[in-house]
Amino acid sequence: MNGSVLIVDDMFIGAFDLQLILENNGIEVLGIAHHATEAFAMIASRRPDLVCLDIFLRGSETGLQIAERLRDQNIPFIFISANTYDHIDEDVKRLCPAGYISKPFRDQDVLPVINAALVSVQKSS
């Protein structure tokens, strides 16, 4: 599956693990951003086909806020998180992500979600 992905996650080890899974399966990773400013600078440089976005980022913007900006720019995203909280379920659903992946990452969990999202992106372009 061809396509480019930007990872937005402030936890280096998890982000690097995801990057390795994707690259080992022929998916181009444009980079890893640790916060919103870095993510949007990377997007301005080269627009990804898909963004893998941690819901609970530290910093001035949460993953939910970044997702709103991505949605406004018509950039598909998948939420990634090690945590699930009932109080954010409605926000997650409202933002209509292309998928959701739980940490820790395993190839058999990551690849079907990423590949399905990338196929959907390619069909709509």
C-alpha atoms as a PDB file:
ATOM      1  CA  MET A   1       0.000   0.000   0.000  1.00  0.00           C
ATOM      2  CA  ASN A   2       1.421   3.354  -1.018  1.00  0.00           C
ATOM      3  CA  GLY A   3       0.729   6.519   0.888  1.00  0.00           C
ATOM      4  CA  SER A   4       2.344   9.009   3.183  1.00  0.00           C
ATOM      5  CA  VAL A   5       1.707   9.332   6.896  1.00  0.00           C
ATOM      6  CA  LEU A   6       2.618  11.947   9.491  1.00  0.00           C
ATOM      7  CA  ILE A   7       2.763  10.757  13.095  1.00  0.00           C
ATOM      8  CA  VAL A   8       1.847  13.267  15.808  1.00  0.00           C
ATOM      9  CA  ASP A   9       2.742  11.845  19.207  1.00  0.00           C
ATOM     10  CA  ASP A  10       4.709  13.273  22.134  1.00  0.00           C
ATOM     11  CA  MET A  11       5.887   9.850  23.318  1.00  0.00           C
ATOM     12  CA  PHE A  12       9.042   9.046  21.358  1.00  0.00           C
ATOM     13  CA  ILE A  13       9.134   5.277  21.836  1.00  0.00           C
ATOM     14  CA  GLY A  14       5.526   4.723  20.777  1.00  0.00           C
ATOM     15  CA  ALA A  15       5.888   7.034  17.790  1.00  0.00           C
ATOM     16  CA  PHE A  16       9.094   5.315  16.710  1.00  0.00           C
ATOM     17  CA  ASP A  17       7.463   1.877  17.051  1.00  0.00           C
ATOM     18  CA  LEU A  18       4.618   3.022  14.815  1.00  0.00           C
ATOM     19  CA  GLN A  19       7.066   4.474  12.312  1.00  0.00           C
ATOM     20  CA  LEU A  20       8.937   1.154  12.092  1.00  0.00           C
ATOM     21  CA  ILE A  21       5.733  -0.836  11.554  1.00  0.00           C
ATOM     22  CA  LEU A  22       4.630   1.481   8.761  1.00  0.00           C
ATOM     23  CA  GLU A  23       7.997   1.722   7.007  1.00  0.00           C
ATOM     24  CA  ASN A  24       8.580  -2.031   7.234  1.00  0.00           C
ATOM     25  CA  ASN A  25       5.305  -2.436   5.355  1.00  0.00           C
ATOM     26  CA  GLY A  26       6.017   0.021   2.554  1.00  0.00           C
ATOM     27  CA  ILE A  27       4.216   3.050   3.960  1.00  0.00           C
ATOM     28  CA  GLU A  28       6.139   6.316   3.789  1.00  0.00           C
ATOM     29  CA  VAL A  29       6.418   8.181   7.093  1.00  0.00           C
ATOM     30  CA  LEU A  30       6.980  11.897   6.513  1.00  0.00           C
ATOM     31  CA  GLY A  31       8.091  12.423  10.091  1.00  0.00           C
ATOM     32  CA  ILE A  32       7.151  12.507  13.731  1.00  0.00           C
ATOM     33  CA  ALA A  33       5.797  15.726  15.225  1.00  0.00           C
ATOM     34  CA  HIS A  34       5.627  16.124  18.984  1.00  0.00           C
ATOM     35  CA  HIS A  35       3.168  19.054  19.115  1.00  0.00           C
ATOM     36  CA  ALA A  36       0.775  21.081  16.967  1.00  0.00           C
ATOM     37  CA  THR A  37       3.237  23.708  15.764  1.00  0.00           C
ATOM     38  CA  GLU A  38       5.658  21.079  14.542  1.00  0.00           C
ATOM     39  CA  ALA A  39       2.851  19.065  12.926  1.00  0.00           C
ATOM     40  CA  PHE A  40       1.463  21.981  10.928  1.00  0.00           C
ATOM     41  CA  ALA A  41       4.940  23.071   9.852  1.00  0.00           C
ATOM     42  CA  MET A  42       5.494  19.561   8.460  1.00  0.00           C
ATOM     43  CA  ILE A  43       2.065  19.605   6.795  1.00  0.00           C
ATOM     44  CA  ALA A  44       2.851  22.953   5.164  1.00  0.00           C
ATOM     45  CA  SER A  45       6.078  21.461   3.816  1.00  0.00           C
ATOM     46  CA  ARG A  46       4.497  18.270   2.484  1.00  0.00           C
ATOM     47  CA  ARG A  47       0.873  17.354   2.919  1.00  0.00           C
ATOM     48  CA  PRO A  48       0.463  13.760   4.161  1.00  0.00           C
ATOM     49  CA  ASP A  49      -2.225  11.408   2.911  1.00  0.00           C
ATOM     50  CA  LEU A  50      -3.022  10.542   6.523  1.00  0.00           C
ATOM     51  CA  VAL A  51      -2.125  11.736  10.032  1.00  0.00           C
ATOM     52  CA  CYS A  52      -1.789   9.371  12.986  1.00  0.00           C
ATOM     53  CA  LEU A  53      -2.689  11.606  15.909  1.00  0.00           C
ATOM     54  CA  ASP A  54      -2.352  10.963  19.629  1.00  0.00           C
ATOM     55  CA  ILE A  55      -5.453  12.148  21.457  1.00  0.00           C
ATOM     56  CA  PHE A  56      -3.662  13.124  24.665  1.00  0.00           C
ATOM     57  CA  LEU A  57      -0.800  15.382  23.608  1.00  0.00           C
ATOM     58  CA  ARG A  58       0.945  17.635  26.063  1.00  0.00           C
ATOM     59  CA  GLY A  59       1.272  21.229  25.022  1.00  0.00           C
ATOM     60  CA  SER A  60      -0.918  24.103  23.969  1.00  0.00           C
ATOM     61  CA  GLU A  61      -3.219  21.969  21.781  1.00  0.00           C
ATOM     62  CA  THR A  62      -4.624  18.530  22.470  1.00  0.00           C
ATOM     63  CA  GLY A  63      -5.027  15.906  19.802  1.00  0.00           C
ATOM     64  CA  LEU A  64      -8.734  16.714  19.707  1.00  0.00           C
ATOM     65  CA  GLN A  65      -7.996  20.363  18.881  1.00  0.00           C
ATOM     66  CA  ILE A  66      -5.474  19.371  16.219  1.00  0.00           C
ATOM     67  CA  ALA A  67      -8.058  16.975  14.766  1.00  0.00           C
ATOM     68  CA  GLU A  68     -10.495  19.861  14.341  1.00  0.00           C
ATOM     69  CA  ARG A  69      -7.876  21.784  12.352  1.00  0.00           C
ATOM     70  CA  LEU A  70      -7.064  18.710  10.247  1.00  0.00           C
ATOM     71  CA  ARG A  71     -10.744  18.174   9.525  1.00  0.00           C
ATOM     72  CA  ASP A  72     -11.073  21.823   8.448  1.00  0.00           C
ATOM     73  CA  GLN A  73      -8.159  21.272   6.024  1.00  0.00           C
ATOM     74  CA  ASN A  74      -9.657  17.993   4.732  1.00  0.00           C
ATOM     75  CA  ILE A  75      -6.694  15.968   5.986  1.00  0.00           C
ATOM     76  CA  PRO A  76      -7.763  12.472   7.120  1.00  0.00           C
ATOM     77  CA  PHE A  77      -6.546  11.333  10.522  1.00  0.00           C
ATOM     78  CA  ILE A  78      -6.529   8.291  12.736  1.00  0.00           C
ATOM     79  CA  PHE A  79      -6.551   8.666  16.493  1.00  0.00           C
ATOM     80  CA  ILE A  80      -3.940   6.758  18.474  1.00  0.00           C
ATOM     81  CA  SER A  81      -4.014   6.421  22.241  1.00  0.00           C
ATOM     82  CA  ALA A  82      -3.003   4.230  25.141  1.00  0.00           C
ATOM     83  CA  ASN A  83      -6.003   5.440  27.128  1.00  0.00           C
ATOM     84  CA  THR A  84      -9.732   5.349  26.703  1.00  0.00           C
ATOM     85  CA  TYR A  85     -11.966   7.700  28.600  1.00  0.00           C
ATOM     86  CA  ASP A  86     -15.732   7.752  28.351  1.00  0.00           C
ATOM     87  CA  HIS A  87     -15.797  11.536  28.718  1.00  0.00           C
ATOM     88  CA  ILE A  88     -14.082  12.066  25.354  1.00  0.00           C
ATOM     89  CA  ASP A  89     -15.995   9.448  23.355  1.00  0.00           C
ATOM     90  CA  GLU A  90     -18.477  12.005  22.058  1.00  0.00           C
ATOM     91  CA  ASP A  91     -15.672  14.367  20.962  1.00  0.00           C
ATOM     92  CA  VAL A  92     -13.881  11.536  19.181  1.00  0.00           C
ATOM     93  CA  LYS A  93     -17.062  10.485  17.355  1.00  0.00           C
ATOM     94  CA  ARG A  94     -17.917  14.096  16.454  1.00  0.00           C
ATOM     95  CA  LEU A  95     -14.550  14.552  14.739  1.00  0.00           C
ATOM     96  CA  CYS A  96     -15.089  11.491  12.497  1.00  0.00           C
ATOM     97  CA  PRO A  97     -11.597   9.998  12.444  1.00  0.00           C
ATOM     98  CA  ALA A  98     -10.674   7.531   9.715  1.00  0.00           C
ATOM     99  CA  GLY A  99      -9.900   5.026  12.467  1.00  0.00           C
ATOM    100  CA  TYR A 100      -8.557   4.401  15.945  1.00  0.00           C
ATOM    101  CA  ILE A 101      -5.474   2.445  17.014  1.00  0.00           C
ATOM    102  CA  SER A 102      -4.667   1.485  20.603  1.00  0.00           C
ATOM    103  CA  LYS A 103      -1.169   1.460  22.044  1.00  0.00           C
ATOM    104  CA  PRO A 104       0.979  -0.550  22.359  1.00  0.00           C
ATOM    105  CA  PHE A 105       1.162  -0.971  18.617  1.00  0.00           C
ATOM    106  CA  ARG A 106       1.064  -4.388  16.994  1.00  0.00           C
ATOM    107  CA  ASP A 107       1.382  -4.942  13.246  1.00  0.00           C
ATOM    108  CA  GLN A 108      -1.830  -6.960  13.073  1.00  0.00           C
ATOM    109  CA  ASP A 109      -3.777  -4.091  14.705  1.00  0.00           C
ATOM    110  CA  VAL A 110      -2.114  -1.149  12.961  1.00  0.00           C
ATOM    111  CA  LEU A 111      -1.887  -2.260   9.348  1.00  0.00           C
ATOM    112  CA  PRO A 112      -5.563  -3.013   8.610  1.00  0.00           C
ATOM    113  CA  VAL A 113      -6.639   0.381   9.986  1.00  0.00           C
ATOM    114  CA  ILE A 114      -3.908   2.334   8.179  1.00  0.00           C
ATOM    115  CA  ASN A 115      -4.371   0.468   4.900  1.00  0.00           C
ATOM    116  CA  ALA A 116      -8.149   0.931   4.965  1.00  0.00           C
ATOM    117  CA  ALA A 117      -7.757   4.660   5.611  1.00  0.00           C
ATOM    118  CA  LEU A 118      -5.193   5.032   2.826  1.00  0.00           C
ATOM    119  CA  VAL A 119      -7.420   3.138   0.350  1.00  0.00           C
ATOM    120  CA  SER A 120     -10.311   5.406   1.290  1.00  0.00           C
ATOM    121  CA  VAL A 121      -8.143   8.511   0.779  1.00  0.00           C
ATOM    122  CA  GLN A 122      -6.948   7.304  -2.619  1.00  0.00           C
ATOM    123  CA  LYS A 123     -10.508   6.529  -3.767  1.00  0.00           C
ATOM    124  CA  SER A 124     -11.702  10.000  -2.823  1.00  0.00           C
ATOM    125  CA  SER A 125      -8.886  11.823  -4.640  1.00  0.00           C
END
